[in-house]
Amino acid sequence: MLKAVLLLASLLTFAAFDASAEHLMLFLAVGGVLAASLAVQWRMLSAIPTIDPGQSSTLEIHRLLLGYYASYGRLAAFIQALNAPVFFVLGSSLYLFIKYGAVPDPGLDDRIVFWTGATLAFLMGLVPLLFVHERQRRHLAANLAELESETLDPSRIERYRSATQRLAVVLALLLLAGAVVLAVLAIRMV
């Protein structure tokens, strides 16, 4: 859903700019990345195993989920991390449009800063997503090993649950801090 909204925003952003070759290339790059990632995301969603909790055993469910994570986990992190540079590109273009009334033709130093920012946005999204993927995969593997050996450790599950809650609080605080920074920048722009 987010990628479809970003694709629409990309189209609207391009429509607002003059149709120079530079802007057309930028739109085609952003639109191409979004369209390709939408197609891959659709394929990943259709590959999610259907699980009937009433018919499948817990052991079978864990095997299916672990197999899905092994096949698509890293790819999902990569595709999801593509949102950040698209936000960066669209946000930077919108900022320049609001500030100057048009997006000026960039010089070499502007291009270096722009693509460095897009690359950093991608990496700053990818690294945490890979960390979360690996954490979930290890947790599923540990659960599966315990289920197969029939030695379930309830304290490990509780530790995982409390660590997940702490991670959610940290992520919520980071989101709040980002919203505050964005609000301050928006206020200073006006």
N, C-alpha and C. Protein backbone atom coordinates (compact mmCIF):
# COMPACT_ATOMS: atom_id res chain seq x y z
N MET A 1 0.83 -1.19 0.00
CA MET A 1 0.00 0.00 0.00
C MET A 1 0.88 1.26 0.00
N LEU A 2 1.90 1.27 0.85
CA LEU A 2 2.78 2.43 0.94
C LEU A 2 3.48 2.68 -0.39
N LYS A 3 3.92 1.62 -1.04
CA LYS A 3 4.60 1.79 -2.32
C LYS A 3 3.65 2.35 -3.38
N ALA A 4 2.40 1.95 -3.36
CA ALA A 4 1.43 2.49 -4.31
C ALA A 4 1.21 3.98 -4.05
N VAL A 5 1.14 4.37 -2.79
CA VAL A 5 1.00 5.80 -2.44
C VAL A 5 2.24 6.56 -2.89
N LEU A 6 3.41 5.98 -2.67
CA LEU A 6 4.65 6.63 -3.10
C LEU A 6 4.71 6.76 -4.62
N LEU A 7 4.23 5.76 -5.33
CA LEU A 7 4.20 5.83 -6.79
C LEU A 7 3.27 6.96 -7.25
N LEU A 8 2.13 7.10 -6.61
CA LEU A 8 1.22 8.19 -6.93
C LEU A 8 1.85 9.54 -6.60
N ALA A 9 2.50 9.63 -5.44
CA ALA A 9 3.19 10.87 -5.07
C ALA A 9 4.29 11.21 -6.06
N SER A 10 4.97 10.19 -6.52
CA SER A 10 6.02 10.39 -7.52
C SER A 10 5.43 10.95 -8.80
N LEU A 11 4.31 10.40 -9.22
CA LEU A 11 3.65 10.88 -10.44
C LEU A 11 3.19 12.32 -10.27
N LEU A 12 2.59 12.64 -9.12
CA LEU A 12 2.13 14.01 -8.87
C LEU A 12 3.30 14.98 -8.78
N THR A 13 4.39 14.54 -8.17
CA THR A 13 5.58 15.39 -8.07
C THR A 13 6.13 15.68 -9.45
N PHE A 14 6.19 14.67 -10.30
CA PHE A 14 6.69 14.87 -11.65
C PHE A 14 5.77 15.81 -12.43
N ALA A 15 4.45 15.66 -12.25
CA ALA A 15 3.50 16.51 -12.97
C ALA A 15 3.65 17.97 -12.56
N ALA A 16 4.07 18.23 -11.32
CA ALA A 16 4.23 19.60 -10.84
C ALA A 16 5.50 20.26 -11.39
N PHE A 17 6.48 19.47 -11.79
CA PHE A 17 7.75 20.02 -12.27
C PHE A 17 7.70 20.26 -13.77
N ASP A 18 8.66 21.04 -14.23
CA ASP A 18 8.79 21.17 -15.68
C ASP A 18 9.35 19.85 -16.21
N ALA A 19 9.08 19.54 -17.44
CA ALA A 19 9.42 18.23 -18.00
C ALA A 19 10.83 18.22 -18.58
N SER A 20 11.81 18.59 -17.79
CA SER A 20 13.19 18.54 -18.29
C SER A 20 13.66 17.09 -18.29
N ALA A 21 14.73 16.85 -19.03
CA ALA A 21 15.26 15.48 -19.14
C ALA A 21 15.72 14.97 -17.77
N GLU A 22 16.31 15.85 -16.97
CA GLU A 22 16.80 15.47 -15.63
C GLU A 22 15.64 14.99 -14.76
N HIS A 23 14.53 15.73 -14.78
CA HIS A 23 13.38 15.37 -13.96
C HIS A 23 12.70 14.12 -14.49
N LEU A 24 12.67 13.97 -15.80
CA LEU A 24 12.09 12.76 -16.39
C LEU A 24 12.90 11.53 -15.98
N MET A 25 14.22 11.63 -16.00
CA MET A 25 15.07 10.51 -15.59
C MET A 25 14.85 10.16 -14.12
N LEU A 26 14.74 11.20 -13.28
CA LEU A 26 14.51 10.98 -11.86
C LEU A 26 13.16 10.29 -11.64
N PHE A 27 12.13 10.78 -12.33
CA PHE A 27 10.81 10.16 -12.20
C PHE A 27 10.84 8.71 -12.68
N LEU A 28 11.49 8.46 -13.81
CA LEU A 28 11.56 7.09 -14.33
C LEU A 28 12.32 6.17 -13.38
N ALA A 29 13.39 6.69 -12.77
CA ALA A 29 14.15 5.88 -11.82
C ALA A 29 13.30 5.55 -10.60
N VAL A 30 12.67 6.57 -10.01
CA VAL A 30 11.84 6.35 -8.82
C VAL A 30 10.64 5.47 -9.17
N GLY A 31 9.98 5.78 -10.27
CA GLY A 31 8.82 4.98 -10.68
C GLY A 31 9.20 3.54 -11.00
N GLY A 32 10.34 3.36 -11.65
CA GLY A 32 10.80 2.00 -11.96
C GLY A 32 11.11 1.20 -10.72
N VAL A 33 11.79 1.83 -9.76
CA VAL A 33 12.11 1.15 -8.50
C VAL A 33 10.83 0.77 -7.77
N LEU A 34 9.89 1.70 -7.72
CA LEU A 34 8.63 1.42 -7.02
C LEU A 34 7.82 0.33 -7.72
N ALA A 35 7.73 0.41 -9.03
CA ALA A 35 6.95 -0.60 -9.77
C ALA A 35 7.58 -1.99 -9.63
N ALA A 36 8.89 -2.06 -9.75
CA ALA A 36 9.57 -3.35 -9.61
C ALA A 36 9.41 -3.90 -8.19
N SER A 37 9.56 -3.03 -7.20
CA SER A 37 9.44 -3.51 -5.82
C SER A 37 8.00 -3.90 -5.50
N LEU A 38 7.02 -3.23 -6.11
CA LEU A 38 5.62 -3.65 -5.94
C LEU A 38 5.40 -5.05 -6.50
N ALA A 39 5.97 -5.32 -7.66
CA ALA A 39 5.83 -6.64 -8.28
C ALA A 39 6.48 -7.72 -7.41
N VAL A 40 7.66 -7.44 -6.90
CA VAL A 40 8.36 -8.42 -6.04
C VAL A 40 7.59 -8.62 -4.75
N GLN A 41 7.08 -7.52 -4.19
CA GLN A 41 6.31 -7.63 -2.95
C GLN A 41 5.05 -8.47 -3.17
N TRP A 42 4.39 -8.30 -4.30
CA TRP A 42 3.21 -9.10 -4.62
C TRP A 42 3.56 -10.58 -4.69
N ARG A 43 4.71 -10.88 -5.32
CA ARG A 43 5.16 -12.27 -5.42
C ARG A 43 5.45 -12.85 -4.04
N MET A 44 6.08 -12.03 -3.17
CA MET A 44 6.38 -12.51 -1.81
C MET A 44 5.10 -12.75 -1.01
N LEU A 45 4.13 -11.85 -1.15
CA LEU A 45 2.87 -12.01 -0.43
C LEU A 45 2.12 -13.26 -0.89
N SER A 46 2.17 -13.52 -2.18
CA SER A 46 1.47 -14.71 -2.68
C SER A 46 2.19 -16.00 -2.29
N ALA A 47 3.46 -15.90 -1.89
CA ALA A 47 4.21 -17.09 -1.48
C ALA A 47 4.06 -17.41 0.01
N ILE A 48 3.39 -16.54 0.76
CA ILE A 48 3.18 -16.81 2.19
C ILE A 48 2.37 -18.09 2.31
N PRO A 49 2.88 -19.04 3.09
CA PRO A 49 2.16 -20.32 3.20
C PRO A 49 0.82 -20.15 3.91
N THR A 50 -0.19 -20.82 3.40
CA THR A 50 -1.49 -20.79 4.06
C THR A 50 -1.46 -21.80 5.20
N ILE A 51 -1.81 -21.31 6.35
CA ILE A 51 -1.75 -22.13 7.57
C ILE A 51 -3.15 -22.20 8.16
N ASP A 52 -3.62 -23.40 8.35
CA ASP A 52 -4.90 -23.61 9.01
C ASP A 52 -4.60 -24.04 10.45
N PRO A 53 -4.77 -23.10 11.41
CA PRO A 53 -4.40 -23.42 12.79
C PRO A 53 -5.12 -24.65 13.34
N GLY A 54 -6.32 -24.92 12.84
CA GLY A 54 -7.05 -26.09 13.32
C GLY A 54 -6.51 -27.40 12.76
N GLN A 55 -5.89 -27.36 11.60
CA GLN A 55 -5.40 -28.58 10.94
C GLN A 55 -3.89 -28.76 11.05
N SER A 56 -3.15 -27.66 11.20
CA SER A 56 -1.68 -27.75 11.23
C SER A 56 -1.17 -27.82 12.66
N SER A 57 -0.14 -28.62 12.84
CA SER A 57 0.47 -28.69 14.17
C SER A 57 1.40 -27.49 14.34
N THR A 58 1.73 -27.18 15.58
CA THR A 58 2.65 -26.08 15.88
C THR A 58 4.00 -26.33 15.22
N LEU A 59 4.43 -27.57 15.23
CA LEU A 59 5.69 -27.95 14.60
C LEU A 59 5.65 -27.66 13.10
N GLU A 60 4.56 -28.04 12.45
CA GLU A 60 4.42 -27.80 11.01
C GLU A 60 4.36 -26.30 10.69
N ILE A 61 3.67 -25.54 11.52
CA ILE A 61 3.57 -24.09 11.33
C ILE A 61 4.96 -23.46 11.42
N HIS A 62 5.75 -23.86 12.42
CA HIS A 62 7.10 -23.32 12.58
C HIS A 62 7.98 -23.68 11.37
N ARG A 63 7.85 -24.90 10.88
CA ARG A 63 8.64 -25.30 9.70
C ARG A 63 8.26 -24.46 8.47
N LEU A 64 6.98 -24.24 8.28
CA LEU A 64 6.53 -23.44 7.15
C LEU A 64 7.03 -21.99 7.26
N LEU A 65 6.88 -21.41 8.44
CA LEU A 65 7.33 -20.03 8.63
C LEU A 65 8.84 -19.90 8.48
N LEU A 66 9.57 -20.85 9.02
CA LEU A 66 11.03 -20.80 8.90
C LEU A 66 11.45 -20.96 7.44
N GLY A 67 10.77 -21.81 6.70
CA GLY A 67 11.06 -21.96 5.27
C GLY A 67 10.78 -20.67 4.52
N TYR A 68 9.67 -19.99 4.86
CA TYR A 68 9.35 -18.72 4.20
C TYR A 68 10.42 -17.68 4.52
N TYR A 69 10.81 -17.58 5.79
CA TYR A 69 11.86 -16.63 6.18
C TYR A 69 13.17 -16.92 5.46
N ALA A 70 13.50 -18.18 5.33
CA ALA A 70 14.73 -18.53 4.63
C ALA A 70 14.68 -18.13 3.16
N SER A 71 13.51 -18.26 2.54
CA SER A 71 13.38 -17.94 1.12
C SER A 71 13.23 -16.44 0.85
N TYR A 72 12.47 -15.74 1.69
CA TYR A 72 12.08 -14.37 1.36
C TYR A 72 12.46 -13.32 2.40
N GLY A 73 13.00 -13.70 3.52
CA GLY A 73 13.26 -12.73 4.59
C GLY A 73 14.19 -11.60 4.21
N ARG A 74 15.35 -11.92 3.67
CA ARG A 74 16.30 -10.88 3.29
C ARG A 74 15.79 -10.04 2.13
N LEU A 75 15.13 -10.68 1.18
CA LEU A 75 14.56 -9.94 0.06
C LEU A 75 13.48 -8.97 0.55
N ALA A 76 12.68 -9.40 1.50
CA ALA A 76 11.64 -8.53 2.06
C ALA A 76 12.26 -7.32 2.74
N ALA A 77 13.36 -7.52 3.47
CA ALA A 77 14.05 -6.41 4.12
C ALA A 77 14.58 -5.44 3.07
N PHE A 78 15.17 -5.96 2.01
CA PHE A 78 15.71 -5.13 0.94
C PHE A 78 14.60 -4.31 0.27
N ILE A 79 13.49 -4.96 -0.06
CA ILE A 79 12.38 -4.28 -0.74
C ILE A 79 11.76 -3.23 0.18
N GLN A 80 11.62 -3.55 1.44
CA GLN A 80 11.06 -2.59 2.38
C GLN A 80 11.99 -1.40 2.58
N ALA A 81 13.31 -1.64 2.55
CA ALA A 81 14.29 -0.56 2.74
C ALA A 81 14.29 0.41 1.56
N LEU A 82 13.74 0.01 0.42
CA LEU A 82 13.67 0.92 -0.73
C LEU A 82 12.73 2.09 -0.50
N ASN A 83 11.84 1.99 0.49
CA ASN A 83 10.94 3.11 0.79
C ASN A 83 11.71 4.35 1.23
N ALA A 84 12.74 4.18 2.03
CA ALA A 84 13.46 5.32 2.60
C ALA A 84 14.10 6.21 1.52
N PRO A 85 14.85 5.66 0.56
CA PRO A 85 15.41 6.56 -0.44
C PRO A 85 14.35 7.21 -1.33
N VAL A 86 13.22 6.52 -1.54
CA VAL A 86 12.15 7.13 -2.32
C VAL A 86 11.57 8.32 -1.56
N PHE A 87 11.35 8.15 -0.24
CA PHE A 87 10.92 9.27 0.58
C PHE A 87 11.93 10.41 0.49
N PHE A 88 13.22 10.07 0.57
CA PHE A 88 14.27 11.08 0.51
C PHE A 88 14.23 11.83 -0.82
N VAL A 89 14.13 11.09 -1.92
CA VAL A 89 14.12 11.72 -3.25
C VAL A 89 12.89 12.60 -3.41
N LEU A 90 11.71 12.07 -3.08
CA LEU A 90 10.49 12.86 -3.22
C LEU A 90 10.47 14.05 -2.26
N GLY A 91 10.91 13.83 -1.04
CA GLY A 91 10.95 14.92 -0.06
C GLY A 91 11.92 16.01 -0.46
N SER A 92 13.09 15.63 -0.94
CA SER A 92 14.08 16.63 -1.38
C SER A 92 13.55 17.41 -2.57
N SER A 93 12.92 16.71 -3.51
CA SER A 93 12.35 17.39 -4.68
C SER A 93 11.25 18.35 -4.26
N LEU A 94 10.40 17.92 -3.35
CA LEU A 94 9.32 18.78 -2.88
C LEU A 94 9.87 19.99 -2.14
N TYR A 95 10.90 19.79 -1.32
CA TYR A 95 11.53 20.89 -0.60
C TYR A 95 12.09 21.92 -1.59
N LEU A 96 12.80 21.45 -2.59
CA LEU A 96 13.38 22.37 -3.58
C LEU A 96 12.28 23.10 -4.35
N PHE A 97 11.20 22.37 -4.65
CA PHE A 97 10.09 22.99 -5.38
C PHE A 97 9.43 24.08 -4.54
N ILE A 98 9.22 23.80 -3.26
CA ILE A 98 8.60 24.80 -2.37
C ILE A 98 9.53 25.99 -2.18
N LYS A 99 10.81 25.73 -1.99
CA LYS A 99 11.77 26.80 -1.71
C LYS A 99 12.03 27.67 -2.93
N TYR A 100 12.20 27.07 -4.11
CA TYR A 100 12.61 27.83 -5.28
C TYR A 100 11.51 27.97 -6.34
N GLY A 101 10.36 27.33 -6.13
CA GLY A 101 9.31 27.40 -7.12
C GLY A 101 9.51 26.43 -8.27
N ALA A 102 10.64 25.80 -8.32
CA ALA A 102 10.98 24.79 -9.33
C ALA A 102 12.19 24.04 -8.81
N VAL A 103 12.43 22.89 -9.35
CA VAL A 103 13.63 22.16 -8.95
C VAL A 103 14.76 22.62 -9.86
N PRO A 104 15.77 23.29 -9.28
CA PRO A 104 16.85 23.80 -10.13
C PRO A 104 17.69 22.66 -10.69
N ASP A 105 18.33 22.94 -11.81
CA ASP A 105 19.24 21.94 -12.38
C ASP A 105 20.41 21.76 -11.42
N PRO A 106 20.68 20.52 -11.03
CA PRO A 106 21.73 20.29 -10.03
C PRO A 106 23.13 20.33 -10.64
N GLY A 107 24.04 20.82 -9.84
CA GLY A 107 25.45 20.76 -10.21
C GLY A 107 26.03 19.42 -9.75
N LEU A 108 27.30 19.22 -9.98
CA LEU A 108 27.95 17.96 -9.59
C LEU A 108 27.89 17.76 -8.09
N ASP A 109 28.18 18.82 -7.31
CA ASP A 109 28.15 18.67 -5.85
C ASP A 109 26.74 18.37 -5.34
N ASP A 110 25.72 18.96 -5.98
CA ASP A 110 24.33 18.67 -5.60
C ASP A 110 23.99 17.21 -5.87
N ARG A 111 24.45 16.69 -6.99
CA ARG A 111 24.18 15.29 -7.32
C ARG A 111 24.86 14.35 -6.34
N ILE A 112 26.09 14.68 -5.96
CA ILE A 112 26.81 13.85 -5.00
C ILE A 112 26.08 13.82 -3.67
N VAL A 113 25.66 15.00 -3.19
CA VAL A 113 24.93 15.07 -1.92
C VAL A 113 23.60 14.34 -2.02
N PHE A 114 22.90 14.53 -3.12
CA PHE A 114 21.59 13.91 -3.32
C PHE A 114 21.69 12.38 -3.31
N TRP A 115 22.59 11.82 -4.09
CA TRP A 115 22.70 10.36 -4.17
C TRP A 115 23.34 9.76 -2.93
N THR A 116 24.21 10.53 -2.26
CA THR A 116 24.75 10.07 -0.98
C THR A 116 23.62 9.99 0.05
N GLY A 117 22.75 11.01 0.06
CA GLY A 117 21.60 11.00 0.98
C GLY A 117 20.67 9.83 0.70
N ALA A 118 20.41 9.57 -0.57
CA ALA A 118 19.53 8.45 -0.94
C ALA A 118 20.16 7.11 -0.53
N THR A 119 21.47 6.98 -0.74
CA THR A 119 22.16 5.74 -0.36
C THR A 119 22.15 5.55 1.15
N LEU A 120 22.42 6.64 1.89
CA LEU A 120 22.39 6.54 3.35
C LEU A 120 20.99 6.22 3.86
N ALA A 121 19.97 6.80 3.23
CA ALA A 121 18.59 6.48 3.63
C ALA A 121 18.30 5.00 3.43
N PHE A 122 18.77 4.45 2.31
CA PHE A 122 18.56 3.03 2.04
C PHE A 122 19.28 2.18 3.09
N LEU A 123 20.54 2.49 3.35
CA LEU A 123 21.33 1.68 4.30
C LEU A 123 20.80 1.81 5.72
N MET A 124 20.35 3.01 6.09
CA MET A 124 19.80 3.20 7.43
C MET A 124 18.48 2.46 7.60
N GLY A 125 17.80 2.17 6.51
CA GLY A 125 16.60 1.35 6.58
C GLY A 125 16.91 -0.13 6.50
N LEU A 126 17.89 -0.49 5.68
CA LEU A 126 18.20 -1.90 5.44
C LEU A 126 18.83 -2.57 6.66
N VAL A 127 19.79 -1.93 7.29
CA VAL A 127 20.52 -2.56 8.40
C VAL A 127 19.59 -2.97 9.54
N PRO A 128 18.71 -2.08 10.05
CA PRO A 128 17.79 -2.53 11.11
C PRO A 128 16.83 -3.60 10.64
N LEU A 129 16.37 -3.52 9.40
CA LEU A 129 15.44 -4.54 8.91
C LEU A 129 16.11 -5.90 8.82
N LEU A 130 17.36 -5.94 8.40
CA LEU A 130 18.10 -7.21 8.38
C LEU A 130 18.29 -7.74 9.79
N PHE A 131 18.56 -6.84 10.74
CA PHE A 131 18.71 -7.24 12.14
C PHE A 131 17.41 -7.86 12.66
N VAL A 132 16.28 -7.22 12.38
CA VAL A 132 14.98 -7.74 12.83
C VAL A 132 14.68 -9.08 12.17
N HIS A 133 14.97 -9.18 10.87
CA HIS A 133 14.75 -10.44 10.16
C HIS A 133 15.57 -11.57 10.79
N GLU A 134 16.82 -11.31 11.04
CA GLU A 134 17.69 -12.35 11.62
C GLU A 134 17.22 -12.73 13.02
N ARG A 135 16.78 -11.75 13.79
CA ARG A 135 16.28 -12.00 15.15
C ARG A 135 15.04 -12.89 15.10
N GLN A 136 14.11 -12.60 14.20
CA GLN A 136 12.90 -13.40 14.09
C GLN A 136 13.22 -14.81 13.58
N ARG A 137 14.14 -14.90 12.63
CA ARG A 137 14.53 -16.21 12.10
C ARG A 137 15.16 -17.07 13.18
N ARG A 138 16.05 -16.47 13.99
CA ARG A 138 16.69 -17.22 15.09
C ARG A 138 15.65 -17.67 16.11
N HIS A 139 14.69 -16.80 16.41
CA HIS A 139 13.65 -17.15 17.37
C HIS A 139 12.81 -18.32 16.86
N LEU A 140 12.42 -18.27 15.59
CA LEU A 140 11.66 -19.39 15.01
C LEU A 140 12.47 -20.68 15.01
N ALA A 141 13.77 -20.57 14.67
CA ALA A 141 14.63 -21.76 14.65
C ALA A 141 14.77 -22.35 16.05
N ALA A 142 14.93 -21.48 17.05
CA ALA A 142 15.05 -21.96 18.43
C ALA A 142 13.75 -22.62 18.88
N ASN A 143 12.62 -22.01 18.54
CA ASN A 143 11.33 -22.62 18.88
C ASN A 143 11.17 -23.98 18.21
N LEU A 144 11.54 -24.06 16.94
CA LEU A 144 11.42 -25.32 16.20
C LEU A 144 12.32 -26.38 16.83
N ALA A 145 13.55 -26.01 17.20
CA ALA A 145 14.45 -26.98 17.83
C ALA A 145 13.88 -27.48 19.15
N GLU A 146 13.29 -26.56 19.94
CA GLU A 146 12.70 -26.98 21.21
C GLU A 146 11.47 -27.86 20.98
N LEU A 147 10.68 -27.53 19.98
CA LEU A 147 9.50 -28.35 19.70
C LEU A 147 9.90 -29.74 19.23
N GLU A 148 10.92 -29.83 18.41
CA GLU A 148 11.37 -31.13 17.91
C GLU A 148 11.98 -31.98 19.02
N SER A 149 12.68 -31.32 19.96
CA SER A 149 13.29 -32.09 21.05
C SER A 149 12.33 -32.22 22.24
N GLU A 150 11.18 -31.58 22.14
CA GLU A 150 10.16 -31.61 23.19
C GLU A 150 10.67 -31.10 24.53
N THR A 151 11.49 -30.05 24.49
CA THR A 151 12.00 -29.41 25.71
C THR A 151 11.72 -27.92 25.64
N LEU A 152 10.47 -27.54 25.68
CA LEU A 152 10.06 -26.15 25.56
C LEU A 152 10.45 -25.39 26.83
N ASP A 153 11.15 -24.25 26.65
CA ASP A 153 11.59 -23.40 27.76
C ASP A 153 10.72 -22.15 27.81
N PRO A 154 9.74 -22.09 28.71
CA PRO A 154 8.84 -20.92 28.76
C PRO A 154 9.57 -19.62 29.10
N SER A 155 10.67 -19.68 29.84
CA SER A 155 11.38 -18.45 30.20
C SER A 155 12.01 -17.81 28.96
N ARG A 156 12.46 -18.60 28.00
CA ARG A 156 13.04 -18.05 26.78
C ARG A 156 11.98 -17.30 25.97
N ILE A 157 10.78 -17.87 25.93
CA ILE A 157 9.68 -17.23 25.21
C ILE A 157 9.32 -15.92 25.90
N GLU A 158 9.31 -15.91 27.22
CA GLU A 158 9.00 -14.68 27.96
C GLU A 158 10.09 -13.63 27.76
N ARG A 159 11.36 -14.05 27.72
CA ARG A 159 12.46 -13.10 27.45
C ARG A 159 12.32 -12.50 26.05
N TYR A 160 11.94 -13.32 25.08
CA TYR A 160 11.74 -12.82 23.72
C TYR A 160 10.59 -11.82 23.69
N ARG A 161 9.52 -12.12 24.40
CA ARG A 161 8.36 -11.24 24.42
C ARG A 161 8.72 -9.90 25.06
N SER A 162 9.46 -9.91 26.17
CA SER A 162 9.82 -8.64 26.81
C SER A 162 10.84 -7.87 25.96
N ALA A 163 11.74 -8.57 25.28
CA ALA A 163 12.69 -7.89 24.39
C ALA A 163 11.95 -7.26 23.22
N THR A 164 10.93 -7.93 22.72
CA THR A 164 10.13 -7.38 21.63
C THR A 164 9.39 -6.13 22.09
N GLN A 165 8.88 -6.14 23.31
CA GLN A 165 8.20 -4.96 23.84
C GLN A 165 9.17 -3.79 24.01
N ARG A 166 10.39 -4.08 24.49
CA ARG A 166 11.40 -3.01 24.62
C ARG A 166 11.75 -2.45 23.25
N LEU A 167 11.90 -3.31 22.27
CA LEU A 167 12.21 -2.87 20.91
C LEU A 167 11.09 -1.99 20.37
N ALA A 168 9.85 -2.34 20.64
CA ALA A 168 8.72 -1.53 20.18
C ALA A 168 8.73 -0.15 20.83
N VAL A 169 9.09 -0.08 22.11
CA VAL A 169 9.17 1.22 22.79
C VAL A 169 10.29 2.07 22.19
N VAL A 170 11.44 1.47 21.94
CA VAL A 170 12.56 2.20 21.34
C VAL A 170 12.18 2.71 19.95
N LEU A 171 11.55 1.86 19.15
CA LEU A 171 11.14 2.27 17.81
C LEU A 171 10.10 3.38 17.87
N ALA A 172 9.18 3.31 18.82
CA ALA A 172 8.17 4.37 18.97
C ALA A 172 8.83 5.69 19.36
N LEU A 173 9.83 5.63 20.25
CA LEU A 173 10.55 6.85 20.63
C LEU A 173 11.33 7.43 19.45
N LEU A 174 11.93 6.56 18.64
CA LEU A 174 12.64 7.04 17.44
C LEU A 174 11.67 7.67 16.45
N LEU A 175 10.51 7.07 16.29
CA LEU A 175 9.49 7.63 15.40
C LEU A 175 9.03 8.99 15.90
N LEU A 176 8.82 9.10 17.19
CA LEU A 176 8.41 10.37 17.79
C LEU A 176 9.49 11.43 17.59
N ALA A 177 10.75 11.05 17.83
CA ALA A 177 11.86 12.00 17.64
C ALA A 177 11.94 12.45 16.18
N GLY A 178 11.76 11.52 15.25
CA GLY A 178 11.77 11.88 13.84
C GLY A 178 10.63 12.83 13.49
N ALA A 179 9.46 12.60 14.05
CA ALA A 179 8.32 13.47 13.79
C ALA A 179 8.57 14.87 14.35
N VAL A 180 9.20 14.95 15.51
CA VAL A 180 9.53 16.25 16.11
C VAL A 180 10.54 16.99 15.23
N VAL A 181 11.58 16.29 14.77
CA VAL A 181 12.57 16.92 13.90
C VAL A 181 11.92 17.40 12.61
N LEU A 182 11.05 16.58 12.04
CA LEU A 182 10.36 16.96 10.82
C LEU A 182 9.46 18.17 11.05
N ALA A 183 8.77 18.21 12.17
CA ALA A 183 7.90 19.35 12.50
C ALA A 183 8.73 20.63 12.67
N VAL A 184 9.86 20.53 13.37
CA VAL A 184 10.73 21.70 13.56
C VAL A 184 11.25 22.20 12.22
N LEU A 185 11.67 21.29 11.35
CA LEU A 185 12.14 21.69 10.03
C LEU A 185 11.03 22.33 9.20
N ALA A 186 9.83 21.78 9.30
CA ALA A 186 8.70 22.34 8.55
C ALA A 186 8.35 23.73 9.06
N ILE A 187 8.41 23.94 10.36
CA ILE A 187 8.13 25.25 10.94
C ILE A 187 9.19 26.26 10.54
N ARG A 188 10.44 25.84 10.52
CA ARG A 188 11.54 26.75 10.14
C ARG A 188 11.47 27.10 8.67
N MET A 189 10.90 26.20 7.85
CA MET A 189 10.79 26.45 6.42
C MET A 189 9.78 27.53 6.11
N VAL A 190 8.77 27.62 6.94
CA VAL A 190 7.67 28.58 6.68
C VAL A 190 8.06 29.98 7.01
